[in-house]
Amino acid sequence: MFLQNTFVYNLFFDLNTQKMSTTTSILRQKTSLQESVVDILNKQMAVEAHSSALYLSISAWCYAQGLRGTGEFFRKQADEEREHMMKIFHYITHAGALAASPEVTNVERNFTDLRSVLVMALDQEIMITENFNKMTEHCQKARDYQTAKFLQWYLDEQFEEEQQARRCIEIFDQMNPKDALYDIDREIHDLKKGE
């Protein structure tokens, strides 16, 4: 019964040696996912984890600047990126492959102004969209249509993410930042209100 509930590894306690042992379950030794597909999915998990950490760092900076609405917006963005990472994690593990927990390093912590932060977020989202396009193309070439179908959700999501990032910059540019920072902060916050 215990072995049926394990996704990636079977962990069991060896009563003879009194030690925890890890072995790969026979159920997880075979998967329809090609190694190259698992590799790009794991790499994208790392990108999503880095995006989550970056947005959390931006959120902290915004709060420190008194931009509570924008800080909340980017905190929610950080949560979404983590959810995106976990969705890939679950896909890999449910397909019987090994998901790699990503290491997150080199997260930017120093920002100069709100507009540059908003442009950075748009650039990040465009880069992620490009990744998903390349991943989908790879899956189609590898004839892994199930994973290509799975990735379609991300392509749809990225269209919305880019649109929202562009809207943040439009809001900033349409208002005089010197006199309207409070209003800009409130407008950006309200972009996430319905979610």
N, C-alpha and C. Protein backbone atom coordinates (compact mmCIF):
# COMPACT_ATOMS: atom_id res chain seq x y z
N MET A 1 0.82 -1.19 0.00
CA MET A 1 0.00 0.00 0.00
C MET A 1 0.87 1.25 0.00
N PHE A 2 1.93 1.29 0.81
CA PHE A 2 2.82 2.45 0.89
C PHE A 2 3.46 2.74 -0.46
N LEU A 3 3.87 1.71 -1.19
CA LEU A 3 4.54 1.90 -2.47
C LEU A 3 3.61 2.52 -3.49
N GLN A 4 2.33 2.27 -3.42
CA GLN A 4 1.38 2.82 -4.37
C GLN A 4 1.18 4.32 -4.18
N ASN A 5 1.44 4.84 -3.02
CA ASN A 5 1.23 6.24 -2.74
C ASN A 5 2.46 7.11 -2.97
N THR A 6 3.54 6.54 -3.43
CA THR A 6 4.78 7.28 -3.64
C THR A 6 4.87 7.72 -5.08
N PHE A 7 5.29 8.97 -5.32
CA PHE A 7 5.37 9.47 -6.68
C PHE A 7 6.73 9.25 -7.31
N VAL A 8 7.78 9.77 -6.72
CA VAL A 8 9.08 9.72 -7.37
C VAL A 8 9.98 8.63 -6.80
N TYR A 9 10.11 8.58 -5.49
CA TYR A 9 10.96 7.58 -4.84
C TYR A 9 10.15 6.80 -3.82
N ASN A 10 10.52 5.59 -3.66
CA ASN A 10 9.99 4.82 -2.55
C ASN A 10 10.96 5.01 -1.39
N LEU A 11 10.47 5.51 -0.31
CA LEU A 11 11.28 5.64 0.90
C LEU A 11 10.78 4.57 1.87
N PHE A 12 11.68 3.77 2.34
CA PHE A 12 11.24 2.77 3.30
C PHE A 12 12.28 2.58 4.38
N PHE A 13 11.77 2.17 5.49
CA PHE A 13 12.60 1.98 6.67
C PHE A 13 12.99 0.51 6.73
N ASP A 14 14.27 0.25 6.65
CA ASP A 14 14.77 -1.12 6.69
C ASP A 14 14.84 -1.56 8.16
N LEU A 15 13.99 -2.50 8.51
CA LEU A 15 13.91 -2.94 9.90
C LEU A 15 15.19 -3.62 10.37
N ASN A 16 15.94 -4.23 9.47
CA ASN A 16 17.18 -4.92 9.85
C ASN A 16 18.31 -3.94 10.18
N THR A 17 18.45 -2.90 9.37
CA THR A 17 19.56 -1.96 9.57
C THR A 17 19.13 -0.70 10.31
N GLN A 18 17.82 -0.51 10.49
CA GLN A 18 17.28 0.67 11.15
C GLN A 18 17.67 1.96 10.42
N LYS A 19 17.77 1.90 9.08
CA LYS A 19 18.12 3.07 8.29
C LYS A 19 17.08 3.29 7.19
N MET A 20 16.97 4.54 6.79
CA MET A 20 16.09 4.89 5.69
C MET A 20 16.81 4.56 4.39
N SER A 21 16.11 3.96 3.46
CA SER A 21 16.70 3.59 2.18
C SER A 21 15.88 4.21 1.06
N THR A 22 16.55 4.61 -0.03
CA THR A 22 15.84 5.12 -1.19
C THR A 22 16.13 4.24 -2.39
N THR A 23 15.09 3.83 -3.04
CA THR A 23 15.22 3.09 -4.29
C THR A 23 14.15 3.60 -5.23
N THR A 24 14.45 3.55 -6.50
CA THR A 24 13.46 3.95 -7.48
C THR A 24 12.48 2.82 -7.68
N SER A 25 11.21 3.12 -7.58
CA SER A 25 10.16 2.13 -7.75
C SER A 25 10.17 1.62 -9.18
N ILE A 26 9.83 0.35 -9.35
CA ILE A 26 9.71 -0.23 -10.69
C ILE A 26 8.66 0.54 -11.49
N LEU A 27 7.67 1.09 -10.79
CA LEU A 27 6.64 1.88 -11.45
C LEU A 27 7.19 3.19 -12.02
N ARG A 28 8.32 3.64 -11.51
CA ARG A 28 8.89 4.92 -11.93
C ARG A 28 10.13 4.75 -12.80
N GLN A 29 10.49 3.53 -13.13
CA GLN A 29 11.67 3.33 -13.95
C GLN A 29 11.38 3.50 -15.43
N LYS A 30 10.11 3.49 -15.80
CA LYS A 30 9.73 3.64 -17.19
C LYS A 30 8.75 4.79 -17.32
N THR A 31 8.94 5.59 -18.35
CA THR A 31 8.05 6.70 -18.61
C THR A 31 8.00 6.95 -20.10
N SER A 32 6.91 7.50 -20.56
CA SER A 32 6.80 7.85 -21.97
C SER A 32 7.51 9.16 -22.28
N LEU A 33 7.88 9.89 -21.25
CA LEU A 33 8.60 11.15 -21.47
C LEU A 33 10.04 10.86 -21.90
N GLN A 34 10.44 11.46 -22.98
CA GLN A 34 11.82 11.31 -23.43
C GLN A 34 12.72 12.11 -22.50
N GLU A 35 13.94 11.66 -22.38
CA GLU A 35 14.91 12.32 -21.49
C GLU A 35 15.07 13.80 -21.84
N SER A 36 15.09 14.13 -23.13
CA SER A 36 15.26 15.53 -23.54
C SER A 36 14.07 16.38 -23.10
N VAL A 37 12.89 15.79 -23.08
CA VAL A 37 11.69 16.52 -22.65
C VAL A 37 11.74 16.73 -21.14
N VAL A 38 12.10 15.70 -20.40
CA VAL A 38 12.23 15.84 -18.95
C VAL A 38 13.25 16.92 -18.63
N ASP A 39 14.35 16.94 -19.38
CA ASP A 39 15.41 17.93 -19.16
C ASP A 39 14.89 19.36 -19.36
N ILE A 40 14.16 19.61 -20.44
CA ILE A 40 13.67 20.98 -20.66
C ILE A 40 12.58 21.35 -19.67
N LEU A 41 11.79 20.38 -19.24
CA LEU A 41 10.78 20.67 -18.22
C LEU A 41 11.45 21.02 -16.89
N ASN A 42 12.48 20.28 -16.52
CA ASN A 42 13.20 20.59 -15.28
C ASN A 42 13.88 21.95 -15.37
N LYS A 43 14.44 22.27 -16.53
CA LYS A 43 15.06 23.60 -16.70
C LYS A 43 14.02 24.70 -16.58
N GLN A 44 12.83 24.47 -17.11
CA GLN A 44 11.78 25.49 -17.00
C GLN A 44 11.30 25.62 -15.57
N MET A 45 11.30 24.52 -14.82
CA MET A 45 10.97 24.63 -13.39
C MET A 45 11.93 25.59 -12.71
N ALA A 46 13.20 25.53 -13.08
CA ALA A 46 14.20 26.43 -12.49
C ALA A 46 13.92 27.88 -12.89
N VAL A 47 13.50 28.09 -14.13
CA VAL A 47 13.16 29.45 -14.58
C VAL A 47 11.96 29.98 -13.78
N GLU A 48 10.97 29.14 -13.59
CA GLU A 48 9.78 29.55 -12.82
C GLU A 48 10.15 29.85 -11.37
N ALA A 49 11.02 29.04 -10.80
CA ALA A 49 11.46 29.27 -9.42
C ALA A 49 12.23 30.58 -9.32
N HIS A 50 13.08 30.85 -10.30
CA HIS A 50 13.83 32.11 -10.31
C HIS A 50 12.88 33.29 -10.47
N SER A 51 11.90 33.16 -11.35
CA SER A 51 10.92 34.24 -11.53
C SER A 51 10.17 34.51 -10.24
N SER A 52 9.79 33.45 -9.54
CA SER A 52 9.10 33.61 -8.27
C SER A 52 9.97 34.38 -7.28
N ALA A 53 11.23 34.00 -7.19
CA ALA A 53 12.15 34.67 -6.27
C ALA A 53 12.38 36.13 -6.69
N LEU A 54 12.50 36.37 -7.99
CA LEU A 54 12.68 37.74 -8.49
C LEU A 54 11.47 38.60 -8.14
N TYR A 55 10.27 38.08 -8.38
CA TYR A 55 9.07 38.86 -8.09
C TYR A 55 8.90 39.09 -6.59
N LEU A 56 9.32 38.14 -5.79
CA LEU A 56 9.26 38.34 -4.34
C LEU A 56 10.26 39.43 -3.92
N SER A 57 11.42 39.45 -4.55
CA SER A 57 12.41 40.48 -4.28
C SER A 57 11.88 41.86 -4.71
N ILE A 58 11.24 41.91 -5.86
CA ILE A 58 10.64 43.17 -6.32
C ILE A 58 9.55 43.60 -5.34
N SER A 59 8.76 42.64 -4.89
CA SER A 59 7.70 42.94 -3.93
C SER A 59 8.28 43.58 -2.67
N ALA A 60 9.35 43.00 -2.15
CA ALA A 60 9.99 43.54 -0.94
C ALA A 60 10.48 44.97 -1.19
N TRP A 61 11.08 45.20 -2.35
CA TRP A 61 11.57 46.53 -2.70
C TRP A 61 10.41 47.52 -2.76
N CYS A 62 9.31 47.11 -3.38
CA CYS A 62 8.13 47.99 -3.49
C CYS A 62 7.59 48.35 -2.11
N TYR A 63 7.47 47.35 -1.24
CA TYR A 63 7.01 47.63 0.12
C TYR A 63 7.95 48.62 0.81
N ALA A 64 9.24 48.45 0.62
CA ALA A 64 10.22 49.34 1.24
C ALA A 64 10.11 50.77 0.72
N GLN A 65 9.60 50.92 -0.51
CA GLN A 65 9.42 52.24 -1.10
C GLN A 65 8.06 52.84 -0.74
N GLY A 66 7.26 52.11 0.02
CA GLY A 66 5.92 52.58 0.38
C GLY A 66 4.88 52.27 -0.69
N LEU A 67 5.23 51.43 -1.65
CA LEU A 67 4.32 51.07 -2.75
C LEU A 67 3.62 49.75 -2.40
N ARG A 68 2.70 49.84 -1.45
CA ARG A 68 2.05 48.63 -0.93
C ARG A 68 1.23 47.90 -1.99
N GLY A 69 0.54 48.64 -2.83
CA GLY A 69 -0.27 48.00 -3.87
C GLY A 69 0.59 47.23 -4.86
N THR A 70 1.65 47.85 -5.29
CA THR A 70 2.55 47.20 -6.23
C THR A 70 3.31 46.06 -5.54
N GLY A 71 3.63 46.25 -4.27
CA GLY A 71 4.25 45.17 -3.51
C GLY A 71 3.33 43.95 -3.44
N GLU A 72 2.06 44.19 -3.21
CA GLU A 72 1.08 43.10 -3.16
C GLU A 72 0.93 42.45 -4.54
N PHE A 73 0.91 43.27 -5.59
CA PHE A 73 0.84 42.76 -6.96
C PHE A 73 1.98 41.79 -7.25
N PHE A 74 3.21 42.20 -6.92
CA PHE A 74 4.36 41.34 -7.20
C PHE A 74 4.45 40.15 -6.24
N ARG A 75 3.91 40.26 -5.05
CA ARG A 75 3.84 39.10 -4.16
C ARG A 75 2.93 38.04 -4.77
N LYS A 76 1.81 38.48 -5.31
CA LYS A 76 0.90 37.55 -5.97
C LYS A 76 1.54 36.97 -7.22
N GLN A 77 2.31 37.78 -7.94
CA GLN A 77 3.03 37.27 -9.12
C GLN A 77 4.02 36.18 -8.69
N ALA A 78 4.71 36.41 -7.57
CA ALA A 78 5.65 35.41 -7.07
C ALA A 78 4.93 34.10 -6.76
N ASP A 79 3.76 34.20 -6.14
CA ASP A 79 2.97 33.00 -5.83
C ASP A 79 2.57 32.27 -7.11
N GLU A 80 2.16 33.03 -8.12
CA GLU A 80 1.75 32.43 -9.40
C GLU A 80 2.90 31.69 -10.06
N GLU A 81 4.08 32.30 -10.03
CA GLU A 81 5.24 31.65 -10.65
C GLU A 81 5.56 30.33 -9.94
N ARG A 82 5.43 30.33 -8.63
CA ARG A 82 5.65 29.08 -7.89
C ARG A 82 4.60 28.04 -8.27
N GLU A 83 3.36 28.47 -8.42
CA GLU A 83 2.31 27.55 -8.87
C GLU A 83 2.64 26.98 -10.24
N HIS A 84 3.16 27.82 -11.12
CA HIS A 84 3.54 27.35 -12.46
C HIS A 84 4.64 26.29 -12.35
N MET A 85 5.60 26.54 -11.48
CA MET A 85 6.68 25.58 -11.27
C MET A 85 6.11 24.25 -10.76
N MET A 86 5.21 24.33 -9.79
CA MET A 86 4.65 23.12 -9.21
C MET A 86 3.78 22.35 -10.20
N LYS A 87 3.13 23.05 -11.10
CA LYS A 87 2.34 22.38 -12.13
C LYS A 87 3.25 21.53 -13.02
N ILE A 88 4.42 22.05 -13.36
CA ILE A 88 5.40 21.28 -14.14
C ILE A 88 5.91 20.11 -13.31
N PHE A 89 6.22 20.37 -12.03
CA PHE A 89 6.68 19.31 -11.13
C PHE A 89 5.69 18.15 -11.12
N HIS A 90 4.41 18.46 -10.94
CA HIS A 90 3.40 17.41 -10.89
C HIS A 90 3.28 16.68 -12.22
N TYR A 91 3.39 17.40 -13.32
CA TYR A 91 3.33 16.75 -14.63
C TYR A 91 4.46 15.72 -14.78
N ILE A 92 5.66 16.14 -14.42
CA ILE A 92 6.82 15.24 -14.54
C ILE A 92 6.64 14.01 -13.66
N THR A 93 6.30 14.25 -12.40
CA THR A 93 6.19 13.12 -11.47
C THR A 93 5.03 12.20 -11.81
N HIS A 94 3.93 12.76 -12.24
CA HIS A 94 2.78 11.92 -12.59
C HIS A 94 3.04 11.11 -13.85
N ALA A 95 3.95 11.60 -14.70
CA ALA A 95 4.33 10.84 -15.90
C ALA A 95 5.37 9.77 -15.57
N GLY A 96 5.82 9.73 -14.32
CA GLY A 96 6.76 8.70 -13.91
C GLY A 96 8.22 9.07 -14.05
N ALA A 97 8.49 10.32 -14.31
CA ALA A 97 9.88 10.77 -14.45
C ALA A 97 10.33 11.47 -13.16
N LEU A 98 11.59 11.84 -13.12
CA LEU A 98 12.17 12.47 -11.94
C LEU A 98 12.25 13.98 -12.11
N ALA A 99 11.51 14.68 -11.29
CA ALA A 99 11.55 16.15 -11.27
C ALA A 99 12.72 16.58 -10.40
N ALA A 100 13.45 17.60 -10.84
CA ALA A 100 14.60 18.10 -10.09
C ALA A 100 14.21 19.39 -9.37
N SER A 101 14.39 19.41 -8.07
CA SER A 101 14.12 20.62 -7.31
C SER A 101 15.15 21.68 -7.69
N PRO A 102 14.67 22.82 -8.19
CA PRO A 102 15.63 23.82 -8.70
C PRO A 102 16.33 24.61 -7.60
N GLU A 103 17.55 24.97 -7.89
CA GLU A 103 18.32 25.86 -7.01
C GLU A 103 18.14 27.28 -7.54
N VAL A 104 17.87 28.20 -6.65
CA VAL A 104 17.65 29.59 -7.06
C VAL A 104 18.81 30.44 -6.56
N THR A 105 19.52 31.05 -7.49
CA THR A 105 20.65 31.92 -7.14
C THR A 105 20.57 33.19 -7.98
N ASN A 106 21.40 34.15 -7.65
CA ASN A 106 21.54 35.39 -8.42
C ASN A 106 20.22 36.14 -8.60
N VAL A 107 19.50 36.30 -7.52
CA VAL A 107 18.24 37.03 -7.57
C VAL A 107 18.55 38.51 -7.33
N GLU A 108 18.15 39.34 -8.27
CA GLU A 108 18.35 40.79 -8.17
C GLU A 108 17.64 41.31 -6.93
N ARG A 109 18.31 42.19 -6.19
CA ARG A 109 17.71 42.75 -4.98
C ARG A 109 17.75 44.28 -4.95
N ASN A 110 18.50 44.86 -5.85
CA ASN A 110 18.63 46.31 -5.88
C ASN A 110 17.99 46.86 -7.14
N PHE A 111 17.03 47.74 -6.95
CA PHE A 111 16.30 48.32 -8.07
C PHE A 111 16.37 49.83 -7.96
N THR A 112 16.29 50.51 -9.09
CA THR A 112 16.46 51.96 -9.08
C THR A 112 15.15 52.72 -9.02
N ASP A 113 14.15 52.28 -9.78
CA ASP A 113 12.88 53.00 -9.79
C ASP A 113 11.78 52.06 -10.25
N LEU A 114 10.54 52.48 -10.07
CA LEU A 114 9.40 51.63 -10.36
C LEU A 114 9.30 51.28 -11.84
N ARG A 115 9.51 52.24 -12.72
CA ARG A 115 9.37 51.95 -14.15
C ARG A 115 10.37 50.88 -14.59
N SER A 116 11.61 50.98 -14.14
CA SER A 116 12.60 49.97 -14.54
C SER A 116 12.21 48.58 -14.01
N VAL A 117 11.58 48.53 -12.85
CA VAL A 117 11.10 47.26 -12.29
C VAL A 117 9.99 46.70 -13.19
N LEU A 118 9.09 47.57 -13.64
CA LEU A 118 7.99 47.12 -14.49
C LEU A 118 8.50 46.62 -15.84
N VAL A 119 9.50 47.30 -16.38
CA VAL A 119 10.10 46.87 -17.65
C VAL A 119 10.82 45.53 -17.45
N MET A 120 11.50 45.37 -16.32
CA MET A 120 12.17 44.11 -16.02
C MET A 120 11.16 42.97 -15.97
N ALA A 121 10.01 43.22 -15.37
CA ALA A 121 8.97 42.18 -15.28
C ALA A 121 8.46 41.82 -16.67
N LEU A 122 8.26 42.80 -17.53
CA LEU A 122 7.82 42.51 -18.90
C LEU A 122 8.88 41.70 -19.64
N ASP A 123 10.13 42.10 -19.52
CA ASP A 123 11.22 41.34 -20.16
C ASP A 123 11.25 39.90 -19.67
N GLN A 124 11.04 39.70 -18.38
CA GLN A 124 11.01 38.35 -17.79
C GLN A 124 9.89 37.53 -18.41
N GLU A 125 8.71 38.13 -18.54
CA GLU A 125 7.57 37.40 -19.09
C GLU A 125 7.77 37.07 -20.57
N ILE A 126 8.37 37.98 -21.32
CA ILE A 126 8.66 37.72 -22.74
C ILE A 126 9.65 36.56 -22.86
N MET A 127 10.67 36.55 -22.02
CA MET A 127 11.66 35.47 -22.03
C MET A 127 10.99 34.12 -21.72
N ILE A 128 10.07 34.12 -20.76
CA ILE A 128 9.37 32.89 -20.41
C ILE A 128 8.50 32.42 -21.57
N THR A 129 7.82 33.34 -22.23
CA THR A 129 7.01 32.98 -23.40
C THR A 129 7.88 32.34 -24.47
N GLU A 130 9.05 32.94 -24.72
CA GLU A 130 9.97 32.38 -25.72
C GLU A 130 10.39 30.97 -25.32
N ASN A 131 10.64 30.75 -24.03
CA ASN A 131 10.99 29.40 -23.55
C ASN A 131 9.89 28.41 -23.86
N PHE A 132 8.65 28.77 -23.56
CA PHE A 132 7.54 27.84 -23.79
C PHE A 132 7.33 27.58 -25.28
N ASN A 133 7.55 28.58 -26.11
CA ASN A 133 7.47 28.36 -27.55
C ASN A 133 8.53 27.34 -28.00
N LYS A 134 9.76 27.51 -27.52
CA LYS A 134 10.85 26.58 -27.88
C LYS A 134 10.57 25.18 -27.33
N MET A 135 10.03 25.11 -26.12
CA MET A 135 9.72 23.82 -25.52
C MET A 135 8.64 23.10 -26.32
N THR A 136 7.62 23.84 -26.72
CA THR A 136 6.53 23.25 -27.51
C THR A 136 7.06 22.74 -28.84
N GLU A 137 7.90 23.54 -29.48
CA GLU A 137 8.51 23.13 -30.74
C GLU A 137 9.33 21.85 -30.55
N HIS A 138 10.11 21.80 -29.48
CA HIS A 138 10.92 20.60 -29.19
C HIS A 138 10.02 19.38 -29.01
N CYS A 139 8.94 19.54 -28.27
CA CYS A 139 8.04 18.41 -28.02
C CYS A 139 7.39 17.93 -29.31
N GLN A 140 7.02 18.86 -30.17
CA GLN A 140 6.42 18.46 -31.45
C GLN A 140 7.43 17.72 -32.31
N LYS A 141 8.68 18.20 -32.34
CA LYS A 141 9.71 17.50 -33.10
C LYS A 141 9.99 16.12 -32.53
N ALA A 142 9.88 15.99 -31.21
CA ALA A 142 10.11 14.71 -30.53
C ALA A 142 8.86 13.82 -30.58
N ARG A 143 7.82 14.32 -31.18
CA ARG A 143 6.54 13.61 -31.29
C ARG A 143 5.94 13.30 -29.91
N ASP A 144 6.17 14.21 -28.97
CA ASP A 144 5.58 14.12 -27.63
C ASP A 144 4.41 15.10 -27.60
N TYR A 145 3.31 14.68 -28.18
CA TYR A 145 2.15 15.56 -28.34
C TYR A 145 1.42 15.80 -27.03
N GLN A 146 1.51 14.87 -26.11
CA GLN A 146 0.87 15.05 -24.81
C GLN A 146 1.53 16.21 -24.05
N THR A 147 2.85 16.24 -24.05
CA THR A 147 3.53 17.35 -23.36
C THR A 147 3.30 18.65 -24.09
N ALA A 148 3.29 18.61 -25.43
CA ALA A 148 2.99 19.83 -26.20
C ALA A 148 1.61 20.36 -25.83
N LYS A 149 0.66 19.45 -25.65
CA LYS A 149 -0.69 19.84 -25.23
C LYS A 149 -0.66 20.45 -23.82
N PHE A 150 0.09 19.83 -22.92
CA PHE A 150 0.25 20.36 -21.56
C PHE A 150 0.81 21.77 -21.59
N LEU A 151 1.78 22.01 -22.46
CA LEU A 151 2.44 23.32 -22.54
C LEU A 151 1.52 24.40 -23.10
N GLN A 152 0.47 24.02 -23.80
CA GLN A 152 -0.46 25.01 -24.36
C GLN A 152 -1.06 25.89 -23.28
N TRP A 153 -1.33 25.30 -22.11
CA TRP A 153 -1.87 26.10 -21.00
C TRP A 153 -0.91 27.24 -20.66
N TYR A 154 0.38 26.94 -20.66
CA TYR A 154 1.39 27.96 -20.35
C TYR A 154 1.44 29.03 -21.42
N LEU A 155 1.30 28.65 -22.67
CA LEU A 155 1.31 29.64 -23.74
C LEU A 155 0.12 30.59 -23.60
N ASP A 156 -1.04 30.05 -23.27
CA ASP A 156 -2.21 30.90 -23.03
C ASP A 156 -1.98 31.81 -21.82
N GLU A 157 -1.42 31.25 -20.78
CA GLU A 157 -1.14 32.01 -19.55
C GLU A 157 -0.13 33.12 -19.84
N GLN A 158 0.88 32.82 -20.63
CA GLN A 158 1.91 33.82 -20.93
C GLN A 158 1.36 34.98 -21.74
N PHE A 159 0.39 34.72 -22.58
CA PHE A 159 -0.25 35.81 -23.32
C PHE A 159 -0.85 36.80 -22.33
N GLU A 160 -1.54 36.28 -21.32
CA GLU A 160 -2.13 37.12 -20.28
C GLU A 160 -1.05 37.81 -19.44
N GLU A 161 0.01 37.09 -19.10
CA GLU A 161 1.08 37.66 -18.27
C GLU A 161 1.76 38.84 -18.98
N GLU A 162 2.05 38.67 -20.26
CA GLU A 162 2.66 39.76 -21.02
C GLU A 162 1.72 40.95 -21.12
N GLN A 163 0.45 40.67 -21.38
CA GLN A 163 -0.54 41.74 -21.49
C GLN A 163 -0.62 42.53 -20.19
N GLN A 164 -0.63 41.83 -19.07
CA GLN A 164 -0.70 42.49 -17.76
C GLN A 164 0.57 43.31 -17.48
N ALA A 165 1.73 42.77 -17.83
CA ALA A 165 2.99 43.49 -17.62
C ALA A 165 3.03 44.76 -18.48
N ARG A 166 2.54 44.66 -19.71
CA ARG A 166 2.48 45.86 -20.57
C ARG A 166 1.53 46.90 -19.99
N ARG A 167 0.41 46.43 -19.43
CA ARG A 167 -0.57 47.34 -18.84
C ARG A 167 0.03 48.09 -17.66
N CYS A 168 0.84 47.43 -16.87
CA CYS A 168 1.50 48.10 -15.74
C CYS A 168 2.36 49.27 -16.25
N ILE A 169 3.10 49.04 -17.32
CA ILE A 169 3.95 50.10 -17.89
C ILE A 169 3.08 51.21 -18.46
N GLU A 170 1.98 50.86 -19.13
CA GLU A 170 1.07 51.88 -19.67
C GLU A 170 0.52 52.75 -18.55
N ILE A 171 0.10 52.13 -17.46
CA ILE A 171 -0.42 52.90 -16.32
C ILE A 171 0.64 53.87 -15.83
N PHE A 172 1.85 53.38 -15.69
CA PHE A 172 2.94 54.24 -15.22
C PHE A 172 3.17 55.40 -16.19
N ASP A 173 3.22 55.09 -17.48
CA ASP A 173 3.53 56.12 -18.48
C ASP A 173 2.41 57.12 -18.68
N GLN A 174 1.16 56.73 -18.43
CA GLN A 174 0.04 57.63 -18.64
C GLN A 174 -0.15 58.62 -17.49
N MET A 175 0.47 58.34 -16.37
CA MET A 175 0.37 59.24 -15.23
C MET A 175 1.73 59.89 -15.00
N ASN A 176 1.69 61.09 -14.48
CA ASN A 176 2.93 61.77 -14.13
C ASN A 176 3.46 61.10 -12.87
N PRO A 177 4.54 60.31 -13.00
CA PRO A 177 5.01 59.55 -11.84
C PRO A 177 5.33 60.40 -10.62
N LYS A 178 5.78 61.61 -10.84
CA LYS A 178 6.16 62.46 -9.70
C LYS A 178 4.95 62.81 -8.84
N ASP A 179 3.83 63.11 -9.50
CA ASP A 179 2.64 63.55 -8.78
C ASP A 179 1.64 62.43 -8.50
N ALA A 180 1.75 61.31 -9.22
CA ALA A 180 0.70 60.31 -9.16
C ALA A 180 1.19 58.92 -8.73
N LEU A 181 2.29 58.82 -8.03
CA LEU A 181 2.82 57.52 -7.64
C LEU A 181 1.80 56.73 -6.83
N TYR A 182 1.06 57.41 -5.98
CA TYR A 182 0.02 56.73 -5.20
C TYR A 182 -1.03 56.11 -6.12
N ASP A 183 -1.48 56.88 -7.11
CA ASP A 183 -2.49 56.39 -8.04
C ASP A 183 -1.94 55.24 -8.90
N ILE A 184 -0.70 55.34 -9.31
CA ILE A 184 -0.07 54.27 -10.09
C ILE A 184 -0.04 53.00 -9.24
N ASP A 185 0.37 53.14 -8.00
CA ASP A 185 0.44 52.00 -7.07
C ASP A 185 -0.93 51.35 -6.92
N ARG A 186 -1.96 52.14 -6.74
CA ARG A 186 -3.32 51.62 -6.58
C ARG A 186 -3.80 50.92 -7.85
N GLU A 187 -3.55 51.52 -9.01
CA GLU A 187 -3.99 50.92 -10.28
C GLU A 187 -3.30 49.57 -10.53
N ILE A 188 -2.01 49.50 -10.26
CA ILE A 188 -1.29 48.23 -10.46
C ILE A 188 -1.83 47.18 -9.50
N HIS A 189 -2.08 47.55 -8.27
CA HIS A 189 -2.65 46.62 -7.30
C HIS A 189 -3.97 46.07 -7.79
N ASP A 190 -4.82 46.94 -8.35
CA ASP A 190 -6.16 46.53 -8.79
C ASP A 190 -6.14 45.56 -9.97
N LEU A 191 -5.02 45.47 -10.67
CA LEU A 191 -4.92 44.50 -11.77
C LEU A 191 -5.07 43.07 -11.26
N LYS A 192 -4.68 42.81 -10.02
CA LYS A 192 -4.75 41.46 -9.43
C LYS A 192 -5.99 41.26 -8.56
N LYS A 193 -6.82 42.28 -8.42
CA LYS A 193 -7.95 42.19 -7.50
C LYS A 193 -8.91 41.06 -7.82
N GLY A 194 -9.16 40.82 -9.10
CA GLY A 194 -10.12 39.81 -9.49
C GLY A 194 -9.59 38.39 -9.41
N GLU A 195 -8.33 38.21 -9.11
CA GLU A 195 -7.73 36.87 -9.08
C GLU A 195 -7.74 36.26 -7.71
